């Protein structure tokens, strides 16, 4: 991979889901044809937030050129940055 990003199989995601780590503080996955963005929350107790994204955002995140803040601003994904999308 030319971007220097790593791809691994992770135990904490659905079986056969390819996990792509790109950028700092977020993970993007493709699971059964759907794309997801997951990132760590900066709050007491930690945790993470995960929600579905479209292929354009997925492809943009794969470049490794963006921070989580930049990814959330571009297609106005802040509307999904809500507690209902927290991963327990």
PDB file of N, CA and C in Angstrom:
ATOM      1  N   UNK A   1       0.828  -1.175   0.000  1.00  0.00           N
ATOM      2  CA  UNK A   1       0.000   0.000   0.000  1.00  0.00           C
ATOM      3  C   UNK A   1       0.873   1.239   0.000  1.00  0.00           C
ATOM      4  N   UNK A   2       0.619   2.109  -0.889  1.00  0.00           N
ATOM      5  CA  UNK A   2       1.461   3.287  -1.036  1.00  0.00           C
ATOM      6  C   UNK A   2       1.247   4.332   0.045  1.00  0.00           C
ATOM      7  N   UNK A   3       0.076   4.361   0.667  1.00  0.00           N
ATOM      8  CA  UNK A   3      -0.197   5.386   1.671  1.00  0.00           C
ATOM      9  C   UNK A   3       0.407   5.047   3.026  1.00  0.00           C
ATOM     10  N   UNK A   4       0.946   3.849   3.153  1.00  0.00           N
ATOM     11  CA  UNK A   4       1.538   3.450   4.413  1.00  0.00           C
ATOM     12  C   UNK A   4       0.508   3.014   5.437  1.00  0.00           C
ATOM     13  N   UNK A   5      -0.744   2.915   5.051  1.00  0.00           N
ATOM     14  CA  UNK A   5      -1.801   2.500   5.974  1.00  0.00           C
ATOM     15  C   UNK A   5      -1.774   0.990   6.116  1.00  0.00           C
ATOM     16  N   UNK A   6      -2.253   0.499   7.228  1.00  0.00           N
ATOM     17  CA  UNK A   6      -2.260  -0.937   7.447  1.00  0.00           C
ATOM     18  C   UNK A   6      -3.678  -1.472   7.366  1.00  0.00           C
ATOM     19  N   UNK A   7      -3.788  -2.710   6.907  1.00  0.00           N
ATOM     20  CA  UNK A   7      -5.072  -3.379   6.858  1.00  0.00           C
ATOM     21  C   UNK A   7      -4.925  -4.677   7.626  1.00  0.00           C
ATOM     22  N   UNK A   8      -5.812  -4.916   8.585  1.00  0.00           N
ATOM     23  CA  UNK A   8      -5.754  -6.127   9.380  1.00  0.00           C
ATOM     24  C   UNK A   8      -7.140  -6.674   9.593  1.00  0.00           C
ATOM     25  N   UNK A   9      -7.197  -7.929   9.989  1.00  0.00           N
ATOM     26  CA  UNK A   9      -8.456  -8.508  10.442  1.00  0.00           C
ATOM     27  C   UNK A   9      -8.519  -8.258  11.938  1.00  0.00           C
ATOM     28  N   UNK A  10      -9.581  -7.672  12.411  1.00  0.00           N
ATOM     29  CA  UNK A  10      -9.702  -7.359  13.835  1.00  0.00           C
ATOM     30  C   UNK A  10     -10.709  -8.289  14.485  1.00  0.00           C
ATOM     31  N   UNK A  11     -10.429  -8.673  15.711  1.00  0.00           N
ATOM     32  CA  UNK A  11     -11.305  -9.585  16.429  1.00  0.00           C
ATOM     33  C   UNK A  11     -12.565  -8.904  16.932  1.00  0.00           C
ATOM     34  N   UNK A  12     -12.510  -7.580  17.151  1.00  0.00           N
ATOM     35  CA  UNK A  12     -13.643  -6.891  17.752  1.00  0.00           C
ATOM     36  C   UNK A  12     -14.679  -6.412  16.741  1.00  0.00           C
ATOM     37  N   UNK A  13     -14.518  -6.739  15.484  1.00  0.00           N
ATOM     38  CA  UNK A  13     -15.520  -6.381  14.486  1.00  0.00           C
ATOM     39  C   UNK A  13     -16.083  -7.650  13.881  1.00  0.00           C
ATOM     40  N   UNK A  14     -17.107  -7.501  13.119  1.00  0.00           N
ATOM     41  CA  UNK A  14     -17.777  -8.630  12.512  1.00  0.00           C
ATOM     42  C   UNK A  14     -16.779  -9.478  11.728  1.00  0.00           C
ATOM     43  N   UNK A  15     -16.953 -10.797  11.787  1.00  0.00           N
ATOM     44  CA  UNK A  15     -16.063 -11.717  11.083  1.00  0.00           C
ATOM     45  C   UNK A  15     -16.004 -11.351   9.600  1.00  0.00           C
ATOM     46  N   UNK A  16     -14.829 -11.424   9.037  1.00  0.00           N
ATOM     47  CA  UNK A  16     -14.557 -11.118   7.630  1.00  0.00           C
ATOM     48  C   UNK A  16     -14.713  -9.642   7.282  1.00  0.00           C
ATOM     49  N   UNK A  17     -14.754  -8.791   8.262  1.00  0.00           N
ATOM     50  CA  UNK A  17     -14.786  -7.350   7.997  1.00  0.00           C
ATOM     51  C   UNK A  17     -13.346  -6.869   7.891  1.00  0.00           C
ATOM     52  N   UNK A  18     -13.015  -6.202   6.822  1.00  0.00           N
ATOM     53  CA  UNK A  18     -11.686  -5.665   6.639  1.00  0.00           C
ATOM     54  C   UNK A  18     -11.605  -4.321   7.336  1.00  0.00           C
ATOM     55  N   UNK A  19     -10.674  -4.183   8.255  1.00  0.00           N
ATOM     56  CA  UNK A  19     -10.527  -2.950   9.013  1.00  0.00           C
ATOM     57  C   UNK A  19      -9.374  -2.164   8.426  1.00  0.00           C
ATOM     58  N   UNK A  20      -9.632  -0.927   8.051  1.00  0.00           N
ATOM     59  CA  UNK A  20      -8.616  -0.069   7.467  1.00  0.00           C
ATOM     60  C   UNK A  20      -8.311   1.053   8.435  1.00  0.00           C
ATOM     61  N   UNK A  21      -7.108   1.142   8.925  1.00  0.00           N
ATOM     62  CA  UNK A  21      -6.721   2.234   9.809  1.00  0.00           C
ATOM     63  C   UNK A  21      -6.102   3.327   8.960  1.00  0.00           C
ATOM     64  N   UNK A  22      -6.738   4.480   8.930  1.00  0.00           N
ATOM     65  CA  UNK A  22      -6.232   5.605   8.142  1.00  0.00           C
ATOM     66  C   UNK A  22      -6.367   6.871   8.969  1.00  0.00           C
ATOM     67  N   UNK A  23      -5.301   7.586   9.088  1.00  0.00           N
ATOM     68  CA  UNK A  23      -5.368   8.828   9.840  1.00  0.00           C
ATOM     69  C   UNK A  23      -5.220   8.583  11.327  1.00  0.00           C
ATOM     70  N   UNK A  24      -5.423   9.608  12.080  1.00  0.00           N
ATOM     71  CA  UNK A  24      -5.229   9.541  13.523  1.00  0.00           C
ATOM     72  C   UNK A  24      -6.570   9.594  14.251  1.00  0.00           C
ATOM     73  N   UNK A  25      -6.850   8.564  15.029  1.00  0.00           N
ATOM     74  CA  UNK A  25      -8.037   8.572  15.859  1.00  0.00           C
ATOM     75  C   UNK A  25      -9.298   8.035  15.230  1.00  0.00           C
ATOM     76  N   UNK A  26      -9.236   7.416  14.064  1.00  0.00           N
ATOM     77  CA  UNK A  26     -10.442   6.836  13.490  1.00  0.00           C
ATOM     78  C   UNK A  26     -10.136   5.552  12.740  1.00  0.00           C
ATOM     79  N   UNK A  27     -11.175   4.743  12.571  1.00  0.00           N
ATOM     80  CA  UNK A  27     -11.101   3.483  11.844  1.00  0.00           C
ATOM     81  C   UNK A  27     -12.244   3.487  10.851  1.00  0.00           C
ATOM     82  N   UNK A  28     -11.965   3.041   9.646  1.00  0.00           N
ATOM     83  CA  UNK A  28     -13.047   2.860   8.683  1.00  0.00           C
ATOM     84  C   UNK A  28     -13.122   1.378   8.355  1.00  0.00           C
ATOM     85  N   UNK A  29     -14.338   0.887   8.184  1.00  0.00           N
ATOM     86  CA  UNK A  29     -14.536  -0.519   7.867  1.00  0.00           C
ATOM     87  C   UNK A  29     -15.542  -0.661   6.743  1.00  0.00           C
ATOM     88  N   UNK A  30     -15.422  -1.772   6.045  1.00  0.00           N
ATOM     89  CA  UNK A  30     -16.437  -2.177   5.079  1.00  0.00           C
ATOM     90  C   UNK A  30     -16.973  -3.501   5.584  1.00  0.00           C
ATOM     91  N   UNK A  31     -18.263  -3.534   5.884  1.00  0.00           N
ATOM     92  CA  UNK A  31     -18.900  -4.722   6.425  1.00  0.00           C
ATOM     93  C   UNK A  31     -20.127  -5.056   5.593  1.00  0.00           C
ATOM     94  N   UNK A  32     -20.070  -6.170   4.903  1.00  0.00           N
ATOM     95  CA  UNK A  32     -21.202  -6.633   4.078  1.00  0.00           C
ATOM     96  C   UNK A  32     -21.686  -5.569   3.104  1.00  0.00           C
ATOM     97  N   UNK A  33     -20.770  -4.862   2.476  1.00  0.00           N
ATOM     98  CA  UNK A  33     -21.125  -3.858   1.482  1.00  0.00           C
ATOM     99  C   UNK A  33     -21.488  -2.501   2.055  1.00  0.00           C
ATOM    100  N   UNK A  34     -21.457  -2.343   3.370  1.00  0.00           N
ATOM    101  CA  UNK A  34     -21.731  -1.058   4.016  1.00  0.00           C
ATOM    102  C   UNK A  34     -20.429  -0.502   4.578  1.00  0.00           C
ATOM    103  N   UNK A  35     -20.329   0.808   4.643  1.00  0.00           N
ATOM    104  CA  UNK A  35     -19.110   1.474   5.093  1.00  0.00           C
ATOM    105  C   UNK A  35     -19.382   2.180   6.420  1.00  0.00           C
ATOM    106  N   UNK A  36     -18.409   2.089   7.348  1.00  0.00           N
ATOM    107  CA  UNK A  36     -18.576   2.661   8.680  1.00  0.00           C
ATOM    108  C   UNK A  36     -17.354   3.464   9.089  1.00  0.00           C
ATOM    109  N   UNK A  37     -17.603   4.502   9.851  1.00  0.00           N
ATOM    110  CA  UNK A  37     -16.564   5.329  10.449  1.00  0.00           C
ATOM    111  C   UNK A  37     -16.687   5.177  11.957  1.00  0.00           C
ATOM    112  N   UNK A  38     -15.576   4.859  12.622  1.00  0.00           N
ATOM    113  CA  UNK A  38     -15.563   4.728  14.077  1.00  0.00           C
ATOM    114  C   UNK A  38     -14.374   5.505  14.609  1.00  0.00           C
ATOM    115  N   UNK A  39     -14.592   6.220  15.710  1.00  0.00           N
ATOM    116  CA  UNK A  39     -13.518   7.013  16.286  1.00  0.00           C
ATOM    117  C   UNK A  39     -13.648   7.053  17.800  1.00  0.00           C
ATOM    118  N   UNK A  40     -12.520   7.319  18.452  1.00  0.00           N
ATOM    119  CA  UNK A  40     -12.457   7.392  19.905  1.00  0.00           C
ATOM    120  C   UNK A  40     -13.066   8.702  20.395  1.00  0.00           C
ATOM    121  N   UNK A  41     -13.780   8.616  21.500  1.00  0.00           N
ATOM    122  CA  UNK A  41     -14.365   9.806  22.107  1.00  0.00           C
ATOM    123  C   UNK A  41     -13.412  10.374  23.147  1.00  0.00           C
ATOM    124  N   UNK A  42     -13.302  11.676  23.164  1.00  0.00           N
ATOM    125  CA  UNK A  42     -12.434  12.357  24.135  1.00  0.00           C
ATOM    126  C   UNK A  42     -13.289  12.804  25.309  1.00  0.00           C
ATOM    127  N   UNK A  43     -13.602  11.847  26.155  1.00  0.00           N
ATOM    128  CA  UNK A  43     -14.397  12.150  27.344  1.00  0.00           C
ATOM    129  C   UNK A  43     -13.988  11.192  28.446  1.00  0.00           C
ATOM    130  N   UNK A  44     -14.363  11.516  29.643  1.00  0.00           N
ATOM    131  CA  UNK A  44     -14.051  10.664  30.780  1.00  0.00           C
ATOM    132  C   UNK A  44     -14.722   9.309  30.576  1.00  0.00           C
ATOM    133  N   UNK A  45     -13.971   8.261  30.668  1.00  0.00           N
ATOM    134  CA  UNK A  45     -14.511   6.928  30.454  1.00  0.00           C
ATOM    135  C   UNK A  45     -14.291   6.420  29.048  1.00  0.00           C
ATOM    136  N   UNK A  46     -13.857   7.307  28.152  1.00  0.00           N
ATOM    137  CA  UNK A  46     -13.530   6.895  26.787  1.00  0.00           C
ATOM    138  C   UNK A  46     -14.725   6.434  25.995  1.00  0.00           C
ATOM    139  N   UNK A  47     -14.532   5.372  25.249  1.00  0.00           N
ATOM    140  CA  UNK A  47     -15.568   4.855  24.377  1.00  0.00           C
ATOM    141  C   UNK A  47     -15.312   5.259  22.943  1.00  0.00           C
ATOM    142  N   UNK A  48     -16.188   4.829  22.081  1.00  0.00           N
ATOM    143  CA  UNK A  48     -16.065   5.187  20.671  1.00  0.00           C
ATOM    144  C   UNK A  48     -17.445   5.406  20.088  1.00  0.00           C
ATOM    145  N   UNK A  49     -17.479   5.972  18.923  1.00  0.00           N
ATOM    146  CA  UNK A  49     -18.715   6.267  18.210  1.00  0.00           C
ATOM    147  C   UNK A  49     -18.577   5.690  16.805  1.00  0.00           C
ATOM    148  N   UNK A  50     -19.637   5.048  16.309  1.00  0.00           N
ATOM    149  CA  UNK A  50     -19.596   4.395  14.998  1.00  0.00           C
ATOM    150  C   UNK A  50     -20.909   4.647  14.264  1.00  0.00           C
ATOM    151  N   UNK A  51     -20.794   5.000  12.977  1.00  0.00           N
ATOM    152  CA  UNK A  51     -21.986   5.172  12.158  1.00  0.00           C
ATOM    153  C   UNK A  51     -21.648   4.915  10.700  1.00  0.00           C
ATOM    154  N   UNK A  52     -22.693   4.669   9.926  1.00  0.00           N
ATOM    155  CA  UNK A  52     -22.534   4.346   8.507  1.00  0.00           C
ATOM    156  C   UNK A  52     -22.203   5.603   7.705  1.00  0.00           C
ATOM    157  N   UNK A  53     -21.317   5.442   6.738  1.00  0.00           N
ATOM    158  CA  UNK A  53     -20.938   6.525   5.830  1.00  0.00           C
ATOM    159  C   UNK A  53     -21.114   6.038   4.404  1.00  0.00           C
ATOM    160  N   UNK A  54     -21.041   6.950   3.448  1.00  0.00           N
ATOM    161  CA  UNK A  54     -21.147   6.537   2.053  1.00  0.00           C
ATOM    162  C   UNK A  54     -19.764   6.212   1.479  1.00  0.00           C
ATOM    163  N   UNK A  55     -19.733   5.644   0.306  1.00  0.00           N
ATOM    164  CA  UNK A  55     -18.479   5.217  -0.312  1.00  0.00           C
ATOM    165  C   UNK A  55     -17.549   6.390  -0.585  1.00  0.00           C
ATOM    166  N   UNK A  56     -18.080   7.551  -0.898  1.00  0.00           N
ATOM    167  CA  UNK A  56     -17.239   8.722  -1.171  1.00  0.00           C
ATOM    168  C   UNK A  56     -16.443   9.118   0.074  1.00  0.00           C
ATOM    169  N   UNK A  57     -17.096   9.126   1.236  1.00  0.00           N
ATOM    170  CA  UNK A  57     -16.411   9.452   2.490  1.00  0.00           C
ATOM    171  C   UNK A  57     -15.399   8.354   2.814  1.00  0.00           C
ATOM    172  N   UNK A  58     -15.784   7.096   2.599  1.00  0.00           N
ATOM    173  CA  UNK A  58     -14.891   5.957   2.828  1.00  0.00           C
ATOM    174  C   UNK A  58     -13.622   6.100   1.988  1.00  0.00           C
ATOM    175  N   UNK A  59     -13.800   6.381   0.707  1.00  0.00           N
ATOM    176  CA  UNK A  59     -12.647   6.543  -0.192  1.00  0.00           C
ATOM    177  C   UNK A  59     -11.777   7.726   0.216  1.00  0.00           C
ATOM    178  N   UNK A  60     -12.409   8.813   0.639  1.00  0.00           N
ATOM    179  CA  UNK A  60     -11.668   9.993   1.086  1.00  0.00           C
ATOM    180  C   UNK A  60     -10.853   9.675   2.340  1.00  0.00           C
ATOM    181  N   UNK A  61     -11.449   8.941   3.264  1.00  0.00           N
ATOM    182  CA  UNK A  61     -10.755   8.577   4.497  1.00  0.00           C
ATOM    183  C   UNK A  61      -9.579   7.648   4.217  1.00  0.00           C
ATOM    184  N   UNK A  62      -9.715   6.801   3.210  1.00  0.00           N
ATOM    185  CA  UNK A  62      -8.645   5.862   2.869  1.00  0.00           C
ATOM    186  C   UNK A  62      -7.366   6.545   2.399  1.00  0.00           C
ATOM    187  N   UNK A  63      -7.456   7.778   2.000  1.00  0.00           N
ATOM    188  CA  UNK A  63      -6.247   8.469   1.543  1.00  0.00           C
ATOM    189  C   UNK A  63      -5.285   8.724   2.685  1.00  0.00           C
ATOM    190  N   UNK A  64      -5.801   8.772   3.923  1.00  0.00           N
ATOM    191  CA  UNK A  64      -4.964   9.019   5.082  1.00  0.00           C
ATOM    192  C   UNK A  64      -4.535  10.462   5.233  1.00  0.00           C
ATOM    193  N   UNK A  65      -5.155  11.350   4.498  1.00  0.00           N
ATOM    194  CA  UNK A  65      -4.763  12.762   4.498  1.00  0.00           C
ATOM    195  C   UNK A  65      -5.612  13.633   5.418  1.00  0.00           C
ATOM    196  N   UNK A  66      -6.608  13.058   6.078  1.00  0.00           N
ATOM    197  CA  UNK A  66      -7.553  13.866   6.851  1.00  0.00           C
ATOM    198  C   UNK A  66      -7.595  13.451   8.308  1.00  0.00           C
ATOM    199  N   UNK A  67      -7.884  14.423   9.157  1.00  0.00           N
ATOM    200  CA  UNK A  67      -8.152  14.143  10.561  1.00  0.00           C
ATOM    201  C   UNK A  67      -9.630  13.804  10.700  1.00  0.00           C
ATOM    202  N   UNK A  68     -10.018  13.321  11.866  1.00  0.00           N
ATOM    203  CA  UNK A  68     -11.431  13.015  12.085  1.00  0.00           C
ATOM    204  C   UNK A  68     -12.276  14.288  11.982  1.00  0.00           C
ATOM    205  N   UNK A  69     -11.762  15.405  12.458  1.00  0.00           N
ATOM    206  CA  UNK A  69     -12.513  16.676  12.365  1.00  0.00           C
ATOM    207  C   UNK A  69     -12.764  17.062  10.919  1.00  0.00           C
ATOM    208  N   UNK A  70     -11.758  16.897  10.075  1.00  0.00           N
ATOM    209  CA  UNK A  70     -11.918  17.233   8.656  1.00  0.00           C
ATOM    210  C   UNK A  70     -12.924  16.307   7.991  1.00  0.00           C
ATOM    211  N   UNK A  71     -12.884  15.027   8.334  1.00  0.00           N
ATOM    212  CA  UNK A  71     -13.842  14.087   7.748  1.00  0.00           C
ATOM    213  C   UNK A  71     -15.271  14.408   8.156  1.00  0.00           C
ATOM    214  N   UNK A  72     -15.467  14.809   9.400  1.00  0.00           N
ATOM    215  CA  UNK A  72     -16.819  15.130   9.861  1.00  0.00           C
ATOM    216  C   UNK A  72     -17.349  16.417   9.246  1.00  0.00           C
ATOM    217  N   UNK A  73     -16.469  17.356   8.925  1.00  0.00           N
ATOM    218  CA  UNK A  73     -16.896  18.642   8.353  1.00  0.00           C
ATOM    219  C   UNK A  73     -17.295  18.528   6.893  1.00  0.00           C
ATOM    220  N   UNK A  74     -16.538  17.780   6.109  1.00  0.00           N
ATOM    221  CA  UNK A  74     -16.745  17.752   4.653  1.00  0.00           C
ATOM    222  C   UNK A  74     -18.191  17.483   4.243  1.00  0.00           C
ATOM    223  N   UNK A  75     -18.738  16.306   4.542  1.00  0.00           N
ATOM    224  CA  UNK A  75     -20.129  16.065   4.142  1.00  0.00           C
ATOM    225  C   UNK A  75     -21.122  16.334   5.271  1.00  0.00           C
ATOM    226  N   UNK A  76     -20.728  17.165   6.239  1.00  0.00           N
ATOM    227  CA  UNK A  76     -21.572  17.510   7.386  1.00  0.00           C
ATOM    228  C   UNK A  76     -22.002  16.268   8.164  1.00  0.00           C
ATOM    229  N   UNK A  77     -21.023  15.447   8.520  1.00  0.00           N
ATOM    230  CA  UNK A  77     -21.308  14.248   9.292  1.00  0.00           C
ATOM    231  C   UNK A  77     -21.501  14.534  10.776  1.00  0.00           C
ATOM    232  N   UNK A  78     -21.340  15.792  11.187  1.00  0.00           N
ATOM    233  CA  UNK A  78     -21.535  16.131  12.594  1.00  0.00           C
ATOM    234  C   UNK A  78     -22.932  15.767  13.088  1.00  0.00           C
ATOM    235  N   UNK A  79     -23.896  15.685  12.191  1.00  0.00           N
ATOM    236  CA  UNK A  79     -25.257  15.320  12.605  1.00  0.00           C
ATOM    237  C   UNK A  79     -25.311  13.899  13.160  1.00  0.00           C
ATOM    238  N   UNK A  80     -24.285  13.066  12.840  1.00  0.00           N
ATOM    239  CA  UNK A  80     -24.224  11.707  13.358  1.00  0.00           C
ATOM    240  C   UNK A  80     -23.347  11.603  14.603  1.00  0.00           C
ATOM    241  N   UNK A  81     -22.731  12.702  15.003  1.00  0.00           N
ATOM    242  CA  UNK A  81     -21.853  12.739  16.166  1.00  0.00           C
ATOM    243  C   UNK A  81     -22.710  12.925  17.421  1.00  0.00           C
ATOM    244  N   UNK A  82     -23.522  11.889  17.704  1.00  0.00           N
ATOM    245  CA  UNK A  82     -24.477  11.944  18.800  1.00  0.00           C
ATOM    246  C   UNK A  82     -24.338  10.706  19.682  1.00  0.00           C
ATOM    247  N   UNK A  83     -24.733  10.790  20.933  1.00  0.00           N
ATOM    248  CA  UNK A  83     -24.602   9.648  21.854  1.00  0.00           C
ATOM    249  C   UNK A  83     -25.302   8.363  21.382  1.00  0.00           C
ATOM    250  N   UNK A  84     -26.332   8.476  20.595  1.00  0.00           N
ATOM    251  CA  UNK A  84     -27.039   7.303  20.104  1.00  0.00           C
ATOM    252  C   UNK A  84     -26.139   6.402  19.260  1.00  0.00           C
ATOM    253  N   UNK A  85     -25.035   6.951  18.738  1.00  0.00           N
ATOM    254  CA  UNK A  85     -24.107   6.174  17.921  1.00  0.00           C
ATOM    255  C   UNK A  85     -22.895   5.691  18.698  1.00  0.00           C
ATOM    256  N   UNK A  86     -22.945   5.801  20.027  1.00  0.00           N
ATOM    257  CA  UNK A  86     -21.843   5.315  20.851  1.00  0.00           C
ATOM    258  C   UNK A  86     -21.781   3.794  20.803  1.00  0.00           C
ATOM    259  N   UNK A  87     -20.565   3.282  20.824  1.00  0.00           N
ATOM    260  CA  UNK A  87     -20.342   1.847  20.877  1.00  0.00           C
ATOM    261  C   UNK A  87     -20.045   1.496  22.321  1.00  0.00           C
ATOM    262  N   UNK A  88     -20.793   0.569  22.860  1.00  0.00           N
ATOM    263  CA  UNK A  88     -20.609   0.207  24.265  1.00  0.00           C
ATOM    264  C   UNK A  88     -19.658  -0.963  24.365  1.00  0.00           C
TER     265      UNK A  88
END
